[in-house]
């Protein structure tokens, strides 16, 4: 059985990685401004929760889990940016 502490560590790791991805997306000019703004907002929400990572109260724990859910629902929107495959010539 996995301990509660290790579950919390896993969730913090996932949220940290998702927030880093959002920060990068927020700075990427290939993404439309509305999506960049949303990504930056998620990164900002993460920054507010960061001081409580792994030791927050029930409300902060809920906010962290909810932020994971919001980010994972946001990420498919990145696929609205279409790119064509790069064609390379073969000799």
N, C-alpha and C. Protein backbone atom coordinates (compact mmCIF):
# COMPACT_ATOMS: atom_id res chain seq x y z
N UNK A 1 0.86 -1.18 0.00
CA UNK A 1 0.00 0.00 0.00
C UNK A 1 0.90 1.24 0.00
N UNK A 2 0.54 2.18 -0.80
CA UNK A 2 1.30 3.42 -0.91
C UNK A 2 0.89 4.37 0.21
N UNK A 3 1.88 5.01 0.80
CA UNK A 3 1.59 5.91 1.91
C UNK A 3 0.97 7.21 1.40
N UNK A 4 0.26 7.87 2.27
CA UNK A 4 -0.34 9.15 1.95
C UNK A 4 0.73 10.18 1.57
N UNK A 5 1.86 10.10 2.28
CA UNK A 5 2.96 11.03 2.00
C UNK A 5 3.49 10.85 0.58
N UNK A 6 3.66 9.62 0.15
CA UNK A 6 4.17 9.39 -1.20
C UNK A 6 3.14 9.80 -2.26
N UNK A 7 1.86 9.65 -1.96
CA UNK A 7 0.82 10.12 -2.87
C UNK A 7 0.87 11.64 -3.00
N UNK A 8 1.04 12.32 -1.87
CA UNK A 8 1.14 13.78 -1.90
C UNK A 8 2.37 14.22 -2.69
N UNK A 9 3.49 13.52 -2.50
CA UNK A 9 4.71 13.85 -3.25
C UNK A 9 4.50 13.68 -4.75
N UNK A 10 3.79 12.64 -5.13
CA UNK A 10 3.51 12.40 -6.54
C UNK A 10 2.65 13.53 -7.12
N UNK A 11 1.63 13.94 -6.38
CA UNK A 11 0.78 15.02 -6.86
C UNK A 11 1.54 16.34 -6.97
N UNK A 12 2.42 16.60 -6.02
CA UNK A 12 3.24 17.81 -6.08
C UNK A 12 4.15 17.76 -7.30
N UNK A 13 4.72 16.60 -7.58
CA UNK A 13 5.59 16.43 -8.75
C UNK A 13 4.80 16.69 -10.04
N UNK A 14 3.62 16.12 -10.15
CA UNK A 14 2.80 16.30 -11.35
C UNK A 14 2.44 17.78 -11.51
N UNK A 15 2.01 18.41 -10.44
CA UNK A 15 1.63 19.82 -10.51
C UNK A 15 2.83 20.69 -10.87
N UNK A 16 3.98 20.39 -10.31
CA UNK A 16 5.20 21.15 -10.61
C UNK A 16 5.54 21.05 -12.10
N UNK A 17 5.47 19.86 -12.65
CA UNK A 17 5.79 19.67 -14.07
C UNK A 17 4.75 20.34 -14.97
N UNK A 18 3.48 20.22 -14.61
CA UNK A 18 2.44 20.88 -15.40
C UNK A 18 2.58 22.40 -15.36
N UNK A 19 2.92 22.94 -14.20
CA UNK A 19 3.09 24.38 -14.07
C UNK A 19 4.29 24.86 -14.89
N UNK A 20 5.37 24.06 -14.92
CA UNK A 20 6.54 24.42 -15.74
C UNK A 20 6.16 24.43 -17.22
N UNK A 21 5.35 23.47 -17.63
CA UNK A 21 4.88 23.43 -19.01
C UNK A 21 4.03 24.66 -19.32
N UNK A 22 3.16 25.03 -18.39
CA UNK A 22 2.32 26.21 -18.59
C UNK A 22 3.18 27.47 -18.69
N UNK A 23 4.21 27.56 -17.89
CA UNK A 23 5.10 28.73 -17.96
C UNK A 23 5.73 28.82 -19.34
N UNK A 24 6.21 27.70 -19.87
CA UNK A 24 6.82 27.68 -21.20
C UNK A 24 5.79 28.04 -22.27
N UNK A 25 4.58 27.50 -22.16
CA UNK A 25 3.53 27.82 -23.12
C UNK A 25 3.16 29.30 -23.05
N UNK A 26 3.16 29.85 -21.86
CA UNK A 26 2.83 31.26 -21.68
C UNK A 26 3.82 32.19 -22.34
N UNK A 27 5.01 31.69 -22.60
CA UNK A 27 6.06 32.50 -23.22
C UNK A 27 6.24 32.19 -24.70
N UNK A 28 5.46 31.25 -25.24
CA UNK A 28 5.65 30.81 -26.62
C UNK A 28 4.74 31.59 -27.57
N UNK A 29 5.35 32.33 -28.48
CA UNK A 29 4.58 33.19 -29.38
C UNK A 29 3.79 32.41 -30.42
N UNK A 30 4.04 31.12 -30.59
CA UNK A 30 3.26 30.32 -31.53
C UNK A 30 1.85 30.06 -31.03
N UNK A 31 1.64 30.21 -29.74
CA UNK A 31 0.33 29.99 -29.13
C UNK A 31 -0.45 31.31 -29.16
N UNK A 32 -1.73 31.26 -29.53
CA UNK A 32 -2.53 32.49 -29.51
C UNK A 32 -2.52 33.15 -28.13
N UNK A 33 -2.64 34.46 -28.12
CA UNK A 33 -2.51 35.23 -26.87
C UNK A 33 -3.48 34.76 -25.79
N UNK A 34 -4.70 34.42 -26.15
CA UNK A 34 -5.67 33.97 -25.15
C UNK A 34 -5.20 32.71 -24.43
N UNK A 35 -4.64 31.78 -25.18
CA UNK A 35 -4.13 30.55 -24.58
C UNK A 35 -2.87 30.82 -23.78
N UNK A 36 -2.02 31.73 -24.27
CA UNK A 36 -0.82 32.08 -23.50
C UNK A 36 -1.20 32.71 -22.16
N UNK A 37 -2.20 33.58 -22.20
CA UNK A 37 -2.67 34.25 -20.98
C UNK A 37 -3.18 33.21 -19.97
N UNK A 38 -3.94 32.25 -20.47
CA UNK A 38 -4.48 31.20 -19.60
C UNK A 38 -3.35 30.37 -19.00
N UNK A 39 -2.36 30.04 -19.82
CA UNK A 39 -1.21 29.27 -19.33
C UNK A 39 -0.45 30.05 -18.26
N UNK A 40 -0.26 31.35 -18.49
CA UNK A 40 0.43 32.18 -17.48
C UNK A 40 -0.37 32.25 -16.19
N UNK A 41 -1.68 32.27 -16.31
CA UNK A 41 -2.54 32.30 -15.12
C UNK A 41 -2.36 31.02 -14.29
N UNK A 42 -2.31 29.88 -14.96
CA UNK A 42 -2.08 28.63 -14.24
C UNK A 42 -0.73 28.62 -13.55
N UNK A 43 0.30 29.11 -14.25
CA UNK A 43 1.63 29.19 -13.65
C UNK A 43 1.62 30.11 -12.43
N UNK A 44 0.86 31.20 -12.51
CA UNK A 44 0.74 32.11 -11.37
C UNK A 44 0.02 31.48 -10.20
N UNK A 45 -1.02 30.72 -10.48
CA UNK A 45 -1.74 30.02 -9.41
C UNK A 45 -0.80 29.02 -8.71
N UNK A 46 0.01 28.35 -9.51
CA UNK A 46 0.98 27.40 -8.94
C UNK A 46 1.95 28.15 -8.03
N UNK A 47 2.45 29.29 -8.49
CA UNK A 47 3.40 30.07 -7.68
C UNK A 47 2.80 30.44 -6.32
N UNK A 48 1.49 30.71 -6.29
CA UNK A 48 0.83 31.04 -5.03
C UNK A 48 0.74 29.83 -4.09
N UNK A 49 0.61 28.65 -4.67
CA UNK A 49 0.51 27.43 -3.86
C UNK A 49 1.88 26.87 -3.47
N UNK A 50 2.92 27.22 -4.19
CA UNK A 50 4.24 26.64 -4.00
C UNK A 50 4.74 26.68 -2.56
N UNK A 51 4.56 27.76 -1.81
CA UNK A 51 5.06 27.76 -0.43
C UNK A 51 4.43 26.68 0.46
N UNK A 52 3.28 26.15 0.04
CA UNK A 52 2.57 25.16 0.85
C UNK A 52 2.78 23.73 0.34
N UNK A 53 3.64 23.54 -0.66
CA UNK A 53 3.81 22.23 -1.30
C UNK A 53 4.16 21.16 -0.27
N UNK A 54 3.32 20.13 -0.25
CA UNK A 54 3.57 19.00 0.64
C UNK A 54 3.19 19.21 2.08
N UNK A 55 2.78 20.42 2.46
CA UNK A 55 2.46 20.65 3.86
C UNK A 55 1.26 21.58 4.05
N UNK A 56 0.46 21.74 3.00
CA UNK A 56 -0.69 22.64 3.09
C UNK A 56 -1.84 22.04 3.87
N UNK A 57 -2.78 22.91 4.22
CA UNK A 57 -3.99 22.44 4.90
C UNK A 57 -4.95 21.84 3.86
N UNK A 58 -6.12 21.43 4.29
CA UNK A 58 -7.06 20.77 3.40
C UNK A 58 -7.47 21.66 2.22
N UNK A 59 -7.67 22.94 2.47
CA UNK A 59 -8.07 23.86 1.40
C UNK A 59 -6.96 24.01 0.37
N UNK A 60 -5.73 24.13 0.82
CA UNK A 60 -4.60 24.27 -0.09
C UNK A 60 -4.37 22.98 -0.88
N UNK A 61 -4.56 21.87 -0.24
CA UNK A 61 -4.44 20.57 -0.91
C UNK A 61 -5.50 20.46 -2.01
N UNK A 62 -6.72 20.85 -1.70
CA UNK A 62 -7.80 20.83 -2.68
C UNK A 62 -7.46 21.75 -3.86
N UNK A 63 -6.96 22.95 -3.58
CA UNK A 63 -6.60 23.90 -4.63
C UNK A 63 -5.53 23.32 -5.56
N UNK A 64 -4.56 22.62 -4.98
CA UNK A 64 -3.53 21.99 -5.79
C UNK A 64 -4.11 20.92 -6.71
N UNK A 65 -4.96 20.08 -6.17
CA UNK A 65 -5.58 19.04 -6.99
C UNK A 65 -6.48 19.64 -8.05
N UNK A 66 -7.19 20.69 -7.69
CA UNK A 66 -8.08 21.36 -8.64
C UNK A 66 -7.26 22.02 -9.75
N UNK A 67 -6.10 22.56 -9.41
CA UNK A 67 -5.24 23.17 -10.42
C UNK A 67 -4.73 22.11 -11.39
N UNK A 68 -4.39 20.93 -10.90
CA UNK A 68 -4.00 19.84 -11.80
C UNK A 68 -5.13 19.56 -12.78
N UNK A 69 -6.34 19.48 -12.28
CA UNK A 69 -7.50 19.21 -13.14
C UNK A 69 -7.68 20.33 -14.17
N UNK A 70 -7.58 21.58 -13.76
CA UNK A 70 -7.77 22.69 -14.70
C UNK A 70 -6.71 22.68 -15.79
N UNK A 71 -5.47 22.43 -15.41
CA UNK A 71 -4.39 22.42 -16.41
C UNK A 71 -4.58 21.26 -17.39
N UNK A 72 -4.94 20.09 -16.88
CA UNK A 72 -5.10 18.94 -17.79
C UNK A 72 -6.29 19.13 -18.73
N UNK A 73 -7.27 19.88 -18.31
CA UNK A 73 -8.39 20.20 -19.21
C UNK A 73 -7.99 21.27 -20.23
N UNK A 74 -7.03 22.11 -19.89
CA UNK A 74 -6.55 23.17 -20.77
C UNK A 74 -5.63 22.63 -21.87
N UNK A 75 -4.78 21.68 -21.55
CA UNK A 75 -3.73 21.24 -22.47
C UNK A 75 -4.23 20.80 -23.86
N UNK A 76 -5.38 20.13 -23.99
CA UNK A 76 -5.82 19.79 -25.35
C UNK A 76 -6.05 21.01 -26.24
N UNK A 77 -6.28 22.18 -25.65
CA UNK A 77 -6.46 23.40 -26.45
C UNK A 77 -5.20 23.77 -27.23
N UNK A 78 -4.06 23.30 -26.77
CA UNK A 78 -2.81 23.58 -27.47
C UNK A 78 -2.85 22.94 -28.86
N UNK A 79 -3.60 21.86 -29.01
CA UNK A 79 -3.69 21.19 -30.30
C UNK A 79 -4.46 22.00 -31.33
N UNK A 80 -5.12 23.07 -30.92
CA UNK A 80 -5.79 23.94 -31.90
C UNK A 80 -4.78 24.68 -32.75
N UNK A 81 -3.55 24.75 -32.30
CA UNK A 81 -2.48 25.35 -33.09
C UNK A 81 -1.97 24.26 -34.02
N UNK A 82 -2.25 24.40 -35.27
CA UNK A 82 -1.89 23.37 -36.24
C UNK A 82 -0.53 23.69 -36.87
N UNK A 83 0.25 22.67 -37.05
CA UNK A 83 1.54 22.80 -37.73
C UNK A 83 1.61 21.70 -38.78
N UNK A 84 2.14 22.05 -39.91
CA UNK A 84 2.33 21.08 -40.98
C UNK A 84 3.65 20.36 -40.78
N UNK A 85 3.71 19.09 -41.14
CA UNK A 85 4.97 18.36 -41.02
C UNK A 85 6.04 19.01 -41.89
N UNK A 86 7.25 18.99 -41.41
CA UNK A 86 8.37 19.52 -42.18
C UNK A 86 8.74 18.48 -43.23
N UNK A 87 8.81 18.94 -44.46
CA UNK A 87 9.15 18.04 -45.56
C UNK A 87 10.65 18.18 -45.83
N UNK A 88 11.31 17.06 -45.79
CA UNK A 88 12.75 17.07 -46.09
C UNK A 88 12.97 16.36 -47.41
N UNK A 89 13.92 16.87 -48.17
CA UNK A 89 14.23 16.25 -49.46
C UNK A 89 15.25 15.14 -49.22
N UNK A 90 15.00 14.03 -49.90
CA UNK A 90 15.94 12.92 -49.81
C UNK A 90 16.69 12.81 -51.13
N UNK A 91 17.94 12.60 -51.04
CA UNK A 91 18.76 12.46 -52.26
C UNK A 91 18.92 11.02 -52.65
